C-alpha atoms as a PDB file:
ATOM      1  CA  UNK A   1      -0.142   0.079   0.127  1.00  0.00           C
ATOM      2  CA  UNK A   2       1.296   3.370  -0.805  1.00  0.00           C
ATOM      3  CA  UNK A   3       1.900   5.907   1.849  1.00  0.00           C
ATOM      4  CA  UNK A   4       0.265   9.089   2.494  1.00  0.00           C
ATOM      5  CA  UNK A   5       2.917  11.922   1.279  1.00  0.00           C
ATOM      6  CA  UNK A   6       1.142  14.254   4.108  1.00  0.00           C
ATOM      7  CA  UNK A   7       1.167  11.602   6.727  1.00  0.00           C
ATOM      8  CA  UNK A   8       4.097  12.968   8.661  1.00  0.00           C
ATOM      9  CA  UNK A   9       3.097  16.614   8.279  1.00  0.00           C
ATOM     10  CA  UNK A  10       1.845  19.020  10.997  1.00  0.00           C
ATOM     11  CA  UNK A  11      -2.164  18.904  11.101  1.00  0.00           C
ATOM     12  CA  UNK A  12      -2.354  22.542  10.413  1.00  0.00           C
ATOM     13  CA  UNK A  13      -0.571  22.316   7.112  1.00  0.00           C
ATOM     14  CA  UNK A  14      -2.893  19.370   5.297  1.00  0.00           C
ATOM     15  CA  UNK A  15      -6.087  20.809   4.960  1.00  0.00           C
ATOM     16  CA  UNK A  16      -5.217  23.915   3.094  1.00  0.00           C
ATOM     17  CA  UNK A  17      -2.792  21.501   0.956  1.00  0.00           C
ATOM     18  CA  UNK A  18      -5.379  19.147   0.365  1.00  0.00           C
ATOM     19  CA  UNK A  19      -7.963  21.876  -0.914  1.00  0.00           C
ATOM     20  CA  UNK A  20      -5.412  23.327  -3.147  1.00  0.00           C
ATOM     21  CA  UNK A  21      -4.665  19.805  -4.830  1.00  0.00           C
ATOM     22  CA  UNK A  22      -8.329  19.425  -5.228  1.00  0.00           C
ATOM     23  CA  UNK A  23      -8.628  22.722  -7.008  1.00  0.00           C
ATOM     24  CA  UNK A  24      -5.932  21.808  -9.257  1.00  0.00           C
ATOM     25  CA  UNK A  25      -7.614  18.701 -10.228  1.00  0.00           C
ATOM     26  CA  UNK A  26     -11.045  20.056 -10.766  1.00  0.00           C
ATOM     27  CA  UNK A  27     -10.594  23.776 -11.708  1.00  0.00           C
ATOM     28  CA  UNK A  28      -7.169  23.332 -13.623  1.00  0.00           C
ATOM     29  CA  UNK A  29      -7.479  19.960 -15.020  1.00  0.00           C
ATOM     30  CA  UNK A  30      -4.017  19.084 -14.293  1.00  0.00           C
ATOM     31  CA  UNK A  31      -2.997  15.355 -14.908  1.00  0.00           C
ATOM     32  CA  UNK A  32      -2.127  12.671 -12.251  1.00  0.00           C
ATOM     33  CA  UNK A  33       1.478  12.804 -13.007  1.00  0.00           C
ATOM     34  CA  UNK A  34       1.599  16.375 -12.608  1.00  0.00           C
ATOM     35  CA  UNK A  35      -0.812  16.326  -9.374  1.00  0.00           C
ATOM     36  CA  UNK A  36       1.559  13.907  -8.109  1.00  0.00           C
ATOM     37  CA  UNK A  37       4.897  15.709  -8.854  1.00  0.00           C
ATOM     38  CA  UNK A  38       3.247  18.626  -7.231  1.00  0.00           C
ATOM     39  CA  UNK A  39       2.048  16.747  -3.841  1.00  0.00           C
ATOM     40  CA  UNK A  40       5.582  15.280  -3.236  1.00  0.00           C
ATOM     41  CA  UNK A  41       6.900  19.006  -3.847  1.00  0.00           C
ATOM     42  CA  UNK A  42       4.797  20.398  -1.611  1.00  0.00           C
ATOM     43  CA  UNK A  43       5.230  17.719   1.034  1.00  0.00           C
ATOM     44  CA  UNK A  44       8.999  18.473   0.811  1.00  0.00           C
ATOM     45  CA  UNK A  45       8.595  21.915   1.527  1.00  0.00           C
ATOM     46  CA  UNK A  46       6.174  21.537   4.242  1.00  0.00           C
ATOM     47  CA  UNK A  47       8.719  18.951   5.968  1.00  0.00           C
ATOM     48  CA  UNK A  48      11.425  21.546   5.776  1.00  0.00           C
ATOM     49  CA  UNK A  49       9.242  24.398   7.366  1.00  0.00           C
ATOM     50  CA  UNK A  50       8.255  21.946  10.353  1.00  0.00           C
ATOM     51  CA  UNK A  51      12.064  20.883  10.927  1.00  0.00           C
ATOM     52  CA  UNK A  52      12.446  24.929  10.972  1.00  0.00           C
ATOM     53  CA  UNK A  53       9.918  25.176  13.602  1.00  0.00           C
ATOM     54  CA  UNK A  54       6.992  26.313  11.600  1.00  0.00           C
ATOM     55  CA  UNK A  55       3.528  25.028  12.533  1.00  0.00           C
ATOM     56  CA  UNK A  56       1.209  26.388  10.029  1.00  0.00           C
ATOM     57  CA  UNK A  57       0.610  28.507   7.133  1.00  0.00           C
ATOM     58  CA  UNK A  58       0.145  31.631   9.093  1.00  0.00           C
ATOM     59  CA  UNK A  59       3.905  31.517  10.437  1.00  0.00           C
ATOM     60  CA  UNK A  60       5.687  30.946   7.216  1.00  0.00           C
ATOM     61  CA  UNK A  61       7.789  34.013   6.112  1.00  0.00           C
ATOM     62  CA  UNK A  62       9.765  34.663   3.074  1.00  0.00           C
ATOM     63  CA  UNK A  63      13.097  33.881   4.794  1.00  0.00           C
ATOM     64  CA  UNK A  64      11.714  30.306   5.420  1.00  0.00           C
ATOM     65  CA  UNK A  65      11.142  29.779   1.578  1.00  0.00           C
ATOM     66  CA  UNK A  66      14.443  31.180   0.603  1.00  0.00           C
ATOM     67  CA  UNK A  67      16.165  28.957   2.946  1.00  0.00           C
ATOM     68  CA  UNK A  68      14.286  26.158   1.544  1.00  0.00           C
ATOM     69  CA  UNK A  69      15.061  27.010  -2.155  1.00  0.00           C
ATOM     70  CA  UNK A  70      18.866  27.340  -0.986  1.00  0.00           C
ATOM     71  CA  UNK A  71      18.658  23.774   0.210  1.00  0.00           C
ATOM     72  CA  UNK A  72      17.529  22.516  -3.227  1.00  0.00           C
ATOM     73  CA  UNK A  73      20.385  24.294  -4.739  1.00  0.00           C
ATOM     74  CA  UNK A  74      22.803  22.470  -2.467  1.00  0.00           C
ATOM     75  CA  UNK A  75      21.300  19.089  -2.916  1.00  0.00           C
ATOM     76  CA  UNK A  76      22.021  19.291  -6.497  1.00  0.00           C
ATOM     77  CA  UNK A  77      18.305  19.293  -7.609  1.00  0.00           C
ATOM     78  CA  UNK A  78      18.088  20.155 -11.379  1.00  0.00           C
ATOM     79  CA  UNK A  79      17.184  23.650 -12.248  1.00  0.00           C
ATOM     80  CA  UNK A  80      13.983  22.351 -13.982  1.00  0.00           C
ATOM     81  CA  UNK A  81      13.143  20.488 -10.786  1.00  0.00           C
ATOM     82  CA  UNK A  82      13.715  23.271  -8.700  1.00  0.00           C
ATOM     83  CA  UNK A  83      11.568  25.825 -10.961  1.00  0.00           C
ATOM     84  CA  UNK A  84       8.668  23.150 -10.963  1.00  0.00           C
ATOM     85  CA  UNK A  85       8.908  23.186  -6.993  1.00  0.00           C
ATOM     86  CA  UNK A  86       8.906  26.775  -6.935  1.00  0.00           C
ATOM     87  CA  UNK A  87       5.913  27.220  -9.540  1.00  0.00           C
ATOM     88  CA  UNK A  88       3.703  24.713  -7.178  1.00  0.00           C
ATOM     89  CA  UNK A  89       4.861  26.824  -4.281  1.00  0.00           C
ATOM     90  CA  UNK A  90       3.716  29.920  -6.024  1.00  0.00           C
ATOM     91  CA  UNK A  91       0.325  28.656  -7.000  1.00  0.00           C
ATOM     92  CA  UNK A  92      -0.140  27.154  -3.383  1.00  0.00           C
ATOM     93  CA  UNK A  93       0.575  30.814  -2.066  1.00  0.00           C
ATOM     94  CA  UNK A  94      -2.131  32.678  -4.025  1.00  0.00           C
ATOM     95  CA  UNK A  95      -4.299  29.698  -3.473  1.00  0.00           C
ATOM     96  CA  UNK A  96      -4.053  30.366   0.396  1.00  0.00           C
ATOM     97  CA  UNK A  97      -4.717  33.986   0.215  1.00  0.00           C
ATOM     98  CA  UNK A  98      -8.068  33.173  -2.029  1.00  0.00           C
ATOM     99  CA  UNK A  99      -9.101  30.997   0.712  1.00  0.00           C
ATOM    100  CA  UNK A 100      -8.206  33.732   3.410  1.00  0.00           C
ATOM    101  CA  UNK A 101      -5.609  31.284   4.770  1.00  0.00           C
ATOM    102  CA  UNK A 102      -3.144  34.429   4.630  1.00  0.00           C
ATOM    103  CA  UNK A 103      -3.523  37.907   3.803  1.00  0.00           C
ATOM    104  CA  UNK A 104      -0.482  38.177   1.785  1.00  0.00           C
ATOM    105  CA  UNK A 105       1.502  36.160  -1.326  1.00  0.00           C
ATOM    106  CA  UNK A 106       4.480  35.007   1.002  1.00  0.00           C
ATOM    107  CA  UNK A 107       6.439  33.891  -2.354  1.00  0.00           C
ATOM    108  CA  UNK A 108       6.294  37.337  -3.892  1.00  0.00           C
ATOM    109  CA  UNK A 109       9.911  38.222  -3.080  1.00  0.00           C
ATOM    110  CA  UNK A 110      11.109  35.028  -4.159  1.00  0.00           C
ATOM    111  CA  UNK A 111      13.541  34.662  -7.048  1.00  0.00           C
ATOM    112  CA  UNK A 112      13.500  31.967  -9.647  1.00  0.00           C
ATOM    113  CA  UNK A 113      16.189  29.604 -10.389  1.00  0.00           C
ATOM    114  CA  UNK A 114      17.520  30.576 -14.022  1.00  0.00           C
ATOM    115  CA  UNK A 115      16.991  28.222 -16.592  1.00  0.00           C
ATOM    116  CA  UNK A 116      19.256  27.233 -19.263  1.00  0.00           C
ATOM    117  CA  UNK A 117      16.619  25.954 -21.905  1.00  0.00           C
ATOM    118  CA  UNK A 118      17.957  22.910 -23.698  1.00  0.00           C
ATOM    119  CA  UNK A 119      16.714  22.917 -27.381  1.00  0.00           C
ATOM    120  CA  UNK A 120      14.693  19.775 -28.623  1.00  0.00           C
ATOM    121  CA  UNK A 121      16.564  17.304 -30.300  1.00  0.00           C
ATOM    122  CA  UNK A 122      14.793  16.584 -33.629  1.00  0.00           C
ATOM    123  CA  UNK A 123      15.378  13.966 -36.610  1.00  0.00           C
ATOM    124  CA  UNK A 124      16.240  15.124 -40.074  1.00  0.00           C
ATOM    125  CA  UNK A 125      13.740  14.332 -42.911  1.00  0.00           C
ATOM    126  CA  UNK A 126      15.703  11.408 -43.906  1.00  0.00           C
ATOM    127  CA  UNK A 127      15.752   9.748 -40.612  1.00  0.00           C
ATOM    128  CA  UNK A 128      12.032  10.281 -40.281  1.00  0.00           C
ATOM    129  CA  UNK A 129      11.626   8.389 -43.426  1.00  0.00           C
ATOM    130  CA  UNK A 130      13.497   5.478 -42.448  1.00  0.00           C
ATOM    131  CA  UNK A 131      11.818   5.444 -38.963  1.00  0.00           C
ATOM    132  CA  UNK A 132       8.422   5.288 -40.713  1.00  0.00           C
ATOM    133  CA  UNK A 133       9.515   2.415 -42.923  1.00  0.00           C
ATOM    134  CA  UNK A 134      10.793   0.164 -39.988  1.00  0.00           C
ATOM    135  CA  UNK A 135       7.555  -1.421 -39.063  1.00  0.00           C
ATOM    136  CA  UNK A 136       6.364  -4.152 -41.226  1.00  0.00           C
ATOM    137  CA  UNK A 137       3.091  -3.518 -42.545  1.00  0.00           C
ATOM    138  CA  UNK A 138       2.616  -7.243 -43.146  1.00  0.00           C
ATOM    139  CA  UNK A 139       1.620  -7.970 -39.565  1.00  0.00           C
ATOM    140  CA  UNK A 140      -1.076  -6.325 -37.242  1.00  0.00           C
ATOM    141  CA  UNK A 141       1.413  -5.187 -34.851  1.00  0.00           C
ATOM    142  CA  UNK A 142       3.468  -3.709 -37.942  1.00  0.00           C
ATOM    143  CA  UNK A 143       0.006  -1.886 -39.185  1.00  0.00           C
ATOM    144  CA  UNK A 144      -0.278  -0.467 -35.730  1.00  0.00           C
ATOM    145  CA  UNK A 145       2.963   0.738 -34.993  1.00  0.00           C
ATOM    146  CA  UNK A 146       3.205   2.431 -38.884  1.00  0.00           C
ATOM    147  CA  UNK A 147      -0.182   4.041 -38.179  1.00  0.00           C
ATOM    148  CA  UNK A 148       1.200   5.341 -34.464  1.00  0.00           C
ATOM    149  CA  UNK A 149       4.505   6.813 -36.083  1.00  0.00           C
ATOM    150  CA  UNK A 150       2.576   8.300 -39.017  1.00  0.00           C
ATOM    151  CA  UNK A 151      -0.036   9.754 -36.897  1.00  0.00           C
ATOM    152  CA  UNK A 152       2.704  11.248 -34.436  1.00  0.00           C
ATOM    153  CA  UNK A 153       4.739  12.759 -37.308  1.00  0.00           C
ATOM    154  CA  UNK A 154       1.805  14.008 -39.208  1.00  0.00           C
ATOM    155  CA  UNK A 155      -0.208  15.695 -36.397  1.00  0.00           C
ATOM    156  CA  UNK A 156       2.574  16.295 -33.717  1.00  0.00           C
ATOM    157  CA  UNK A 157       0.384  14.782 -30.861  1.00  0.00           C
ATOM    158  CA  UNK A 158       1.447  14.301 -27.397  1.00  0.00           C
ATOM    159  CA  UNK A 159       2.124  10.512 -26.211  1.00  0.00           C
ATOM    160  CA  UNK A 160      -0.904  10.837 -23.668  1.00  0.00           C
ATOM    161  CA  UNK A 161      -3.246  12.414 -26.512  1.00  0.00           C
ATOM    162  CA  UNK A 162      -2.115   9.606 -28.793  1.00  0.00           C
ATOM    163  CA  UNK A 163      -3.101   7.027 -26.417  1.00  0.00           C
ATOM    164  CA  UNK A 164      -6.433   8.542 -25.332  1.00  0.00           C
ATOM    165  CA  UNK A 165      -7.612   8.590 -29.279  1.00  0.00           C
ATOM    166  CA  UNK A 166     -10.986   6.772 -29.462  1.00  0.00           C
ATOM    167  CA  UNK A 167     -12.522   5.252 -32.717  1.00  0.00           C
ATOM    168  CA  UNK A 168     -15.000   7.989 -32.736  1.00  0.00           C
ATOM    169  CA  UNK A 169     -12.358  10.835 -32.495  1.00  0.00           C
ATOM    170  CA  UNK A 170     -11.003   9.688 -35.953  1.00  0.00           C
ATOM    171  CA  UNK A 171     -12.476  11.777 -38.975  1.00  0.00           C
ATOM    172  CA  UNK A 172     -10.516  10.065 -41.608  1.00  0.00           C
ATOM    173  CA  UNK A 173     -12.537  11.477 -44.516  1.00  0.00           C
ATOM    174  CA  UNK A 174     -12.156  15.097 -43.137  1.00  0.00           C
ATOM    175  CA  UNK A 175      -8.358  14.520 -42.640  1.00  0.00           C
ATOM    176  CA  UNK A 176      -8.289  15.124 -38.632  1.00  0.00           C
ATOM    177  CA  UNK A 177      -8.319  13.893 -35.292  1.00  0.00           C
ATOM    178  CA  UNK A 178      -9.830  15.358 -32.050  1.00  0.00           C
ATOM    179  CA  UNK A 179      -7.720  15.023 -28.978  1.00  0.00           C
ATOM    180  CA  UNK A 180      -7.691  15.940 -25.582  1.00  0.00           C
ATOM    181  CA  UNK A 181      -4.400  17.685 -24.596  1.00  0.00           C
ATOM    182  CA  UNK A 182      -3.116  19.351 -21.234  1.00  0.00           C
ATOM    183  CA  UNK A 183      -5.952  20.691 -18.959  1.00  0.00           C
ATOM    184  CA  UNK A 184      -8.351  18.154 -20.681  1.00  0.00           C
ATOM    185  CA  UNK A 185      -8.651  21.059 -23.576  1.00  0.00           C
ATOM    186  CA  UNK A 186     -10.101  19.464 -27.025  1.00  0.00           C
ATOM    187  CA  UNK A 187      -8.231  20.499 -30.337  1.00  0.00           C
ATOM    188  CA  UNK A 188      -8.446  19.352 -33.875  1.00  0.00           C
ATOM    189  CA  UNK A 189      -5.392  17.924 -35.487  1.00  0.00           C
ATOM    190  CA  UNK A 190      -4.849  17.831 -39.166  1.00  0.00           C
ATOM    191  CA  UNK A 191      -3.646  14.588 -40.553  1.00  0.00           C
ATOM    192  CA  UNK A 192      -1.714  14.259 -43.683  1.00  0.00           C
ATOM    193  CA  UNK A 193      -2.498  11.744 -46.588  1.00  0.00           C
ATOM    194  CA  UNK A 194      -0.092   9.128 -45.501  1.00  0.00           C
ATOM    195  CA  UNK A 195      -1.173   9.042 -41.878  1.00  0.00           C
ATOM    196  CA  UNK A 196      -4.908   8.833 -43.021  1.00  0.00           C
ATOM    197  CA  UNK A 197      -4.190   5.789 -45.065  1.00  0.00           C
ATOM    198  CA  UNK A 198      -1.939   4.280 -42.365  1.00  0.00           C
ATOM    199  CA  UNK A 199      -4.622   4.626 -39.688  1.00  0.00           C
ATOM    200  CA  UNK A 200      -7.288   3.115 -42.455  1.00  0.00           C
ATOM    201  CA  UNK A 201      -4.996   0.302 -42.989  1.00  0.00           C
ATOM    202  CA  UNK A 202      -4.258  -0.652 -39.384  1.00  0.00           C
ATOM    203  CA  UNK A 203      -8.332  -0.280 -38.634  1.00  0.00           C
ATOM    204  CA  UNK A 204      -9.247  -2.733 -41.445  1.00  0.00           C
ATOM    205  CA  UNK A 205      -6.255  -5.202 -40.837  1.00  0.00           C
ATOM    206  CA  UNK A 206      -4.419  -4.848 -37.811  1.00  0.00           C
ATOM    207  CA  UNK A 207      -6.922  -3.651 -34.771  1.00  0.00           C
ATOM    208  CA  UNK A 208      -9.296  -6.627 -35.249  1.00  0.00           C
ATOM    209  CA  UNK A 209      -6.279  -8.929 -34.161  1.00  0.00           C
ATOM    210  CA  UNK A 210      -6.081  -7.101 -31.126  1.00  0.00           C
ATOM    211  CA  UNK A 211      -9.985  -6.845 -30.046  1.00  0.00           C
ATOM    212  CA  UNK A 212     -11.025  -8.878 -26.763  1.00  0.00           C
ATOM    213  CA  UNK A 213     -14.299  -9.547 -25.205  1.00  0.00           C
ATOM    214  CA  UNK A 214     -13.897  -6.243 -23.016  1.00  0.00           C
ATOM    215  CA  UNK A 215     -11.981  -4.018 -25.567  1.00  0.00           C
ATOM    216  CA  UNK A 216     -13.426  -0.530 -25.554  1.00  0.00           C
ATOM    217  CA  UNK A 217     -13.459   2.013 -28.452  1.00  0.00           C
ATOM    218  CA  UNK A 218      -9.902   3.061 -27.974  1.00  0.00           C
ATOM    219  CA  UNK A 219      -7.819   3.084 -31.523  1.00  0.00           C
ATOM    220  CA  UNK A 220      -4.748   1.726 -30.630  1.00  0.00           C
ATOM    221  CA  UNK A 221      -4.704  -1.368 -28.775  1.00  0.00           C
ATOM    222  CA  UNK A 222      -2.005  -3.619 -26.759  1.00  0.00           C
ATOM    223  CA  UNK A 223      -1.981  -7.320 -27.336  1.00  0.00           C
ATOM    224  CA  UNK A 224      -4.076  -7.735 -24.364  1.00  0.00           C
ATOM    225  CA  UNK A 225      -6.885  -5.893 -25.996  1.00  0.00           C
ATOM    226  CA  UNK A 226      -6.536  -2.741 -23.857  1.00  0.00           C
ATOM    227  CA  UNK A 227      -5.641   0.855 -24.574  1.00  0.00           C
ATOM    228  CA  UNK A 228      -1.648   0.906 -25.465  1.00  0.00           C
ATOM    229  CA  UNK A 229       0.162   2.695 -22.809  1.00  0.00           C
ATOM    230  CA  UNK A 230       2.625   5.519 -22.759  1.00  0.00           C
ATOM    231  CA  UNK A 231       5.304   3.295 -22.064  1.00  0.00           C
ATOM    232  CA  UNK A 232       4.384   0.661 -24.789  1.00  0.00           C
ATOM    233  CA  UNK A 233       4.765   3.564 -27.277  1.00  0.00           C
ATOM    234  CA  UNK A 234       7.972   4.712 -26.106  1.00  0.00           C
ATOM    235  CA  UNK A 235       9.414   1.326 -26.266  1.00  0.00           C
ATOM    236  CA  UNK A 236       8.131   0.640 -29.737  1.00  0.00           C
ATOM    237  CA  UNK A 237       9.590   4.099 -31.162  1.00  0.00           C
ATOM    238  CA  UNK A 238      13.058   3.103 -29.372  1.00  0.00           C
ATOM    239  CA  UNK A 239      12.904  -0.330 -31.276  1.00  0.00           C
ATOM    240  CA  UNK A 240      11.959   1.065 -34.634  1.00  0.00           C
ATOM    241  CA  UNK A 241      14.613   3.634 -34.150  1.00  0.00           C
ATOM    242  CA  UNK A 242      17.293   1.025 -33.573  1.00  0.00           C
ATOM    243  CA  UNK A 243      15.986  -1.090 -36.679  1.00  0.00           C
ATOM    244  CA  UNK A 244      16.252   2.248 -38.705  1.00  0.00           C
ATOM    245  CA  UNK A 245      19.554   2.747 -37.613  1.00  0.00           C
ATOM    246  CA  UNK A 246      18.911   6.233 -35.865  1.00  0.00           C
ATOM    247  CA  UNK A 247      21.646   6.887 -33.299  1.00  0.00           C
ATOM    248  CA  UNK A 248      20.142   9.908 -31.615  1.00  0.00           C
ATOM    249  CA  UNK A 249      18.554   9.789 -28.138  1.00  0.00           C
ATOM    250  CA  UNK A 250      14.863   8.689 -28.492  1.00  0.00           C
ATOM    251  CA  UNK A 251      12.432  10.261 -26.310  1.00  0.00           C
ATOM    252  CA  UNK A 252       8.618  10.245 -26.467  1.00  0.00           C
ATOM    253  CA  UNK A 253       8.269  13.988 -27.937  1.00  0.00           C
ATOM    254  CA  UNK A 254      10.940  13.164 -30.637  1.00  0.00           C
ATOM    255  CA  UNK A 255       8.471  13.099 -33.502  1.00  0.00           C
ATOM    256  CA  UNK A 256       6.326  15.987 -31.910  1.00  0.00           C
ATOM    257  CA  UNK A 257       9.585  18.380 -31.978  1.00  0.00           C
ATOM    258  CA  UNK A 258      10.381  17.020 -35.469  1.00  0.00           C
ATOM    259  CA  UNK A 259       6.728  17.768 -36.396  1.00  0.00           C
ATOM    260  CA  UNK A 260       6.984  21.337 -35.319  1.00  0.00           C
ATOM    261  CA  UNK A 261      10.699  21.996 -36.667  1.00  0.00           C
ATOM    262  CA  UNK A 262       9.719  20.675 -40.172  1.00  0.00           C
ATOM    263  CA  UNK A 263       6.782  22.871 -40.662  1.00  0.00           C
ATOM    264  CA  UNK A 264       8.638  25.756 -39.382  1.00  0.00           C
ATOM    265  CA  UNK A 265      11.276  24.901 -41.939  1.00  0.00           C
ATOM    266  CA  UNK A 266       8.923  24.576 -44.695  1.00  0.00           C
ATOM    267  CA  UNK A 267       7.376  28.181 -43.960  1.00  0.00           C
ATOM    268  CA  UNK A 268       4.478  27.454 -41.798  1.00  0.00           C
ATOM    269  CA  UNK A 269       3.319  30.350 -39.502  1.00  0.00           C
ATOM    270  CA  UNK A 270       4.380  30.053 -35.700  1.00  0.00           C
ATOM    271  CA  UNK A 271       0.630  30.896 -34.854  1.00  0.00           C
ATOM    272  CA  UNK A 272      -0.578  27.927 -36.704  1.00  0.00           C
ATOM    273  CA  UNK A 273       2.187  25.800 -35.198  1.00  0.00           C
ATOM    274  CA  UNK A 274       1.522  26.739 -31.825  1.00  0.00           C
ATOM    275  CA  UNK A 275      -2.424  26.044 -32.581  1.00  0.00           C
ATOM    276  CA  UNK A 276      -1.482  22.510 -33.915  1.00  0.00           C
ATOM    277  CA  UNK A 277       0.691  21.557 -30.868  1.00  0.00           C
ATOM    278  CA  UNK A 278      -1.850  23.104 -28.469  1.00  0.00           C
ATOM    279  CA  UNK A 279       0.383  25.235 -26.715  1.00  0.00           C
ATOM    280  CA  UNK A 280      -1.413  27.894 -24.376  1.00  0.00           C
ATOM    281  CA  UNK A 281       1.657  30.350 -24.872  1.00  0.00           C
ATOM    282  CA  UNK A 282       3.116  31.262 -28.063  1.00  0.00           C
ATOM    283  CA  UNK A 283       6.764  31.531 -26.068  1.00  0.00           C
ATOM    284  CA  UNK A 284       6.820  27.662 -25.824  1.00  0.00           C
ATOM    285  CA  UNK A 285       6.515  27.389 -29.355  1.00  0.00           C
ATOM    286  CA  UNK A 286       9.176  29.827 -30.024  1.00  0.00           C
ATOM    287  CA  UNK A 287      11.863  27.240 -28.968  1.00  0.00           C
ATOM    288  CA  UNK A 288      11.457  25.821 -32.511  1.00  0.00           C
ATOM    289  CA  UNK A 289      12.505  28.863 -34.167  1.00  0.00           C
ATOM    290  CA  UNK A 290      15.757  28.507 -32.119  1.00  0.00           C
ATOM    291  CA  UNK A 291      16.253  24.931 -33.562  1.00  0.00           C
ATOM    292  CA  UNK A 292      15.977  26.213 -36.921  1.00  0.00           C
ATOM    293  CA  UNK A 293      18.540  29.119 -36.205  1.00  0.00           C
ATOM    294  CA  UNK A 294      21.005  26.625 -34.592  1.00  0.00           C
ATOM    295  CA  UNK A 295      20.823  24.467 -37.732  1.00  0.00           C
ATOM    296  CA  UNK A 296      21.475  27.147 -40.039  1.00  0.00           C
ATOM    297  CA  UNK A 297      24.505  28.399 -37.866  1.00  0.00           C
ATOM    298  CA  UNK A 298      25.576  24.910 -38.178  1.00  0.00           C
ATOM    299  CA  UNK A 299      25.352  24.772 -41.690  1.00  0.00           C
ATOM    300  CA  UNK A 300      26.995  28.014 -42.173  1.00  0.00           C
ATOM    301  CA  UNK A 301      30.047  26.842 -40.000  1.00  0.00           C
ATOM    302  CA  UNK A 302      30.418  23.825 -41.747  1.00  0.00           C
ATOM    303  CA  UNK A 303      30.276  25.187 -45.382  1.00  0.00           C
ATOM    304  CA  UNK A 304      30.933  28.774 -45.550  1.00  0.00           C
ATOM    305  CA  UNK A 305      34.757  29.710 -46.540  1.00  0.00           C
ATOM    306  CA  UNK A 306      35.050  31.752 -43.468  1.00  0.00           C
ATOM    307  CA  UNK A 307      32.839  30.117 -41.374  1.00  0.00           C
ATOM    308  CA  UNK A 308      35.096  27.472 -39.837  1.00  0.00           C
ATOM    309  CA  UNK A 309      37.180  28.010 -36.989  1.00  0.00           C
END
């Protein structure tokens, strides 16, 4: 049985924490994985406060939180992890004011860890072609895997979005699929002709092989007839990348990043890419302009007569 992350915390902290997490789930629609991460982050913070002699939220001062963030740096937490923990704490602080637990936002004076934003890895167009050709279309598994890969690259889906697609979400005649992204927000994702054909072939010749008595309406199925999991998708992509001779580190978002970068290189509008990816903030999408700029700089350094050092 899993332990309660709040069981060792002072009682006065727990009810506001539970109220905040319920608000995140119901009002913000955060995923279970994100909620679990925030739960652990905030429990860690409160454990630190308790050791400092702080018994409830009214006693928390900015100096306490500064000491906590400093302890994270000393413990060598990645900057991205520190930023997530601080983000959870800032949202909690605003919730405490909103619920009249505190009169002030105690996090207002806290600084943020500087993030060195790493450019996402992307595949070249040739690598994408090799990856898409890796599954054999002569087997039900190959038909399924080809459809998954084509849909990833054609529509720029997140792994969780792909795993949640239902048969009724597909509009193959019109060339689009409806998915639910972060915060359970629905969006329409266009599909190219190759992806439509791959999904049609899978539905006709692959999916029936996986259907069992209790199978639901999920599009992509495991051998047991259940919805395919994120881990299964990741393992599948890694295996086909290996067969295709791709040496790059394979991550679940690799095809999503490649989708966005190749669209931008082809002249697509950044706002259109933002909408297709389901990004709430255009600044998230702008990282792909940095990918493109870096690639151009690499080409210049390699081929320009005065570009080599």
